[in-house]
Structures are given as structure tokens and as C-alpha cells.
């Protein structure tokens, strides 16, 4: 009976160890642009989307990619090349988090998460009842 418990404990320990190892390898840290440039592994970078002359976002037909610039809290800037579907709120989003790998001084991103524009904050939900529609 003791042998069965030992074998079960070994199997459970091995499975738990493998799960934790796989989970830790799949996590991608948030770093600033300076750290991203020296990283040899995928990273996530948060930054303000730049929309000024010379840094306007555009779709590159040659590479079939959305290209834009972001600036982090340290005022470092990097060009992002994203080959996915443009997020719906991208055109009005103030910030983004881009996941990818830096090559040739550009962040080649495979996923983007955009921050919702602040214009939606404080607006009344269309699903809330008006005060005049009180319940009876």
C-alpha cells in the first residue's frame, strides 16, 4: 500500500512541477522600451500611441501590417509593426500594450491591447433607467 502512495505522490508532483514550469515560461513581463531593446525574448511594452507628424499610424500595404509609434513613461519611443486585425478602438485609444519581439530596432507585435478612450468615462449607460422612469 505504501508503494502505491509513493507512486501517486511522484506522479502528482511531476505533473504539478511540469504545469508550473510551463506556466512560468508562458508569462511575458511588462518592460519599458529600453529593456525591450536588449531582450532576446518576447516582452510586453505599454506606451502612449503617438499621433504627431512623422509618427502617424498607418497601414503598410507592402508588409500587410499596421505601423505606429509608442512612447513609454521614460519618453523612449519605438516603432511597432503589428500584423493582426486593427483593434476596434485603436483610432481613438490613447495608449496600448504591445506584445512581441524587438528586431532591427522595431517591436514586431503579435497582439495589441488598447486602452479605452476616456470619452466613455462618466457617460450614462444606455441600459440605466432615467429618473423619470421610476419603478412602481
Protein backbone atom coordinates (compact mmCIF):
# COMPACT_ATOMS: atom_id res chain seq x y z
CA UNK A 1 0.00 0.00 0.00
CA UNK A 2 2.83 2.40 0.76
CA UNK A 3 4.30 1.87 -2.69
CA UNK A 4 1.03 2.97 -4.33
CA UNK A 5 1.02 6.20 -2.29
CA UNK A 6 4.64 6.93 -3.19
CA UNK A 7 3.98 6.35 -6.90
CA UNK A 8 0.83 8.52 -6.79
CA UNK A 9 2.72 11.28 -4.97
CA UNK A 10 5.53 11.16 -7.57
CA UNK A 11 3.07 11.34 -10.47
CA UNK A 12 1.17 14.27 -8.89
CA UNK A 13 4.42 16.09 -8.03
CA UNK A 14 5.75 15.63 -11.54
CA UNK A 15 2.51 16.87 -13.12
CA UNK A 16 2.36 19.86 -10.78
CA UNK A 17 6.01 20.72 -11.43
CA UNK A 18 5.55 20.49 -15.19
CA UNK A 19 2.42 22.68 -15.03
CA UNK A 20 4.21 25.36 -13.03
CA UNK A 21 7.24 25.25 -15.36
CA UNK A 22 5.01 25.60 -18.46
CA UNK A 23 3.02 28.44 -16.90
CA UNK A 24 6.13 30.39 -15.88
CA UNK A 25 7.61 30.06 -19.38
CA UNK A 26 4.42 31.39 -20.98
CA UNK A 27 4.33 34.58 -18.91
CA UNK A 28 5.63 37.65 -20.66
CA UNK A 29 6.85 40.52 -18.47
CA UNK A 30 5.93 44.18 -18.94
CA UNK A 31 9.11 46.16 -19.58
CA UNK A 32 10.00 49.64 -20.72
CA UNK A 33 11.29 50.29 -24.25
CA UNK A 34 14.93 50.43 -23.19
CA UNK A 35 14.65 46.95 -21.61
CA UNK A 36 12.72 45.62 -24.61
CA UNK A 37 15.52 46.64 -26.98
CA UNK A 38 18.06 44.44 -25.16
CA UNK A 39 15.73 41.48 -24.55
CA UNK A 40 16.12 38.35 -26.64
CA UNK A 41 12.71 37.02 -25.58
CA UNK A 42 9.17 38.28 -26.21
CA UNK A 43 8.08 41.18 -24.00
CA UNK A 44 5.08 43.43 -23.41
CA UNK A 45 5.51 47.18 -23.66
CA UNK A 46 2.96 49.79 -22.59
CA UNK A 47 3.01 53.18 -24.17
CA UNK A 48 1.19 56.22 -25.45
CA UNK A 49 0.30 55.98 -29.14
CA UNK A 50 2.00 58.87 -30.93
CA UNK A 51 -0.17 60.74 -33.41
CA UNK A 52 2.06 63.62 -34.45
CA UNK A 53 3.57 64.50 -37.80
CA UNK A 54 6.18 61.94 -38.81
CA UNK A 55 4.78 59.43 -36.33
CA UNK A 56 1.21 58.98 -37.58
CA UNK A 57 -0.14 55.41 -37.52
CA UNK A 58 -0.60 53.93 -40.99
CA UNK A 59 -1.24 50.63 -42.72
CA UNK A 60 1.78 49.37 -44.66
CA UNK A 61 0.44 47.54 -47.72
CA UNK A 62 3.90 46.22 -48.60
CA UNK A 63 4.22 44.35 -45.27
CA UNK A 64 0.47 43.97 -44.63
CA UNK A 65 0.98 45.50 -41.19
CA UNK A 66 -0.23 48.34 -39.03
CA UNK A 67 2.73 50.59 -38.19
CA UNK A 68 2.76 53.15 -35.42
CA UNK A 69 4.99 54.62 -32.72
CA UNK A 70 4.60 54.42 -28.95
CA UNK A 71 6.29 56.34 -26.16
CA UNK A 72 6.77 54.91 -22.67
CA UNK A 73 6.84 56.73 -19.32
CA UNK A 74 10.59 57.38 -19.76
CA UNK A 75 9.95 59.24 -23.06
CA UNK A 76 11.64 56.43 -25.05
CA UNK A 77 10.00 55.77 -28.43
CA UNK A 78 9.81 52.70 -30.64
CA UNK A 79 8.05 51.79 -33.86
CA UNK A 80 5.53 48.94 -33.57
CA UNK A 81 4.81 46.67 -36.54
CA UNK A 82 1.59 44.73 -35.95
CA UNK A 83 0.35 42.11 -38.44
CA UNK A 84 -3.05 41.44 -36.90
CA UNK A 85 -6.50 42.92 -37.20
CA UNK A 86 -6.55 46.52 -36.01
CA UNK A 87 -8.36 46.74 -32.66
CA UNK A 88 -11.71 48.48 -32.99
CA UNK A 89 -10.88 51.35 -30.62
CA UNK A 90 -7.32 51.87 -31.93
CA UNK A 91 -8.04 55.14 -33.77
CA UNK A 92 -9.21 56.85 -30.57
CA UNK A 93 -7.18 54.92 -27.99
CA UNK A 94 -4.62 56.97 -26.06
CA UNK A 95 -2.42 54.01 -25.07
CA UNK A 96 -1.66 50.41 -25.94
CA UNK A 97 0.17 47.38 -24.64
CA UNK A 98 2.03 45.57 -27.40
CA UNK A 99 3.36 42.01 -27.05
CA UNK A 100 6.21 40.94 -29.28
CA UNK A 101 9.91 40.83 -30.01
CA UNK A 102 12.28 43.67 -30.89
CA UNK A 103 14.26 43.18 -34.11
CA UNK A 104 16.14 45.80 -36.10
CA UNK A 105 15.03 48.49 -33.62
CA UNK A 106 11.31 47.80 -34.14
CA UNK A 107 8.82 45.96 -31.95
CA UNK A 108 7.23 43.24 -34.08
CA UNK A 109 3.97 42.67 -32.24
CA UNK A 110 1.68 39.66 -32.38
CA UNK A 111 -1.01 41.12 -30.10
CA UNK A 112 -2.26 44.52 -29.00
CA UNK A 113 -4.45 45.62 -26.13
CA UNK A 114 -5.68 49.20 -26.37
CA UNK A 115 -6.80 51.41 -23.51
CA UNK A 116 -10.36 52.62 -23.89
CA UNK A 117 -10.64 56.31 -24.69
CA UNK A 118 -11.57 58.48 -21.72
CA UNK A 119 -14.51 59.94 -23.64
CA UNK A 120 -16.55 56.92 -22.47
CA UNK A 121 -15.88 57.54 -18.78
CA UNK A 122 -18.69 59.17 -16.87
CA UNK A 123 -21.28 58.70 -19.61
CA UNK A 124 -24.60 57.27 -18.59
CA UNK A 125 -25.15 53.71 -19.69
CA UNK A 126 -27.93 53.28 -22.26
CA UNK A 127 -29.19 50.41 -20.06
CA UNK A 128 -29.81 52.57 -16.98
CA UNK A 129 -33.32 53.81 -16.35
CA UNK A 130 -33.95 57.54 -16.39
CA UNK A 131 -35.07 59.08 -13.10
CA UNK A 132 -38.47 59.87 -14.60
CA UNK A 133 -38.96 56.16 -15.38
CA UNK A 134 -39.12 55.23 -11.68
CA UNK A 135 -40.36 51.83 -10.64
CA UNK A 136 -43.92 51.29 -9.41
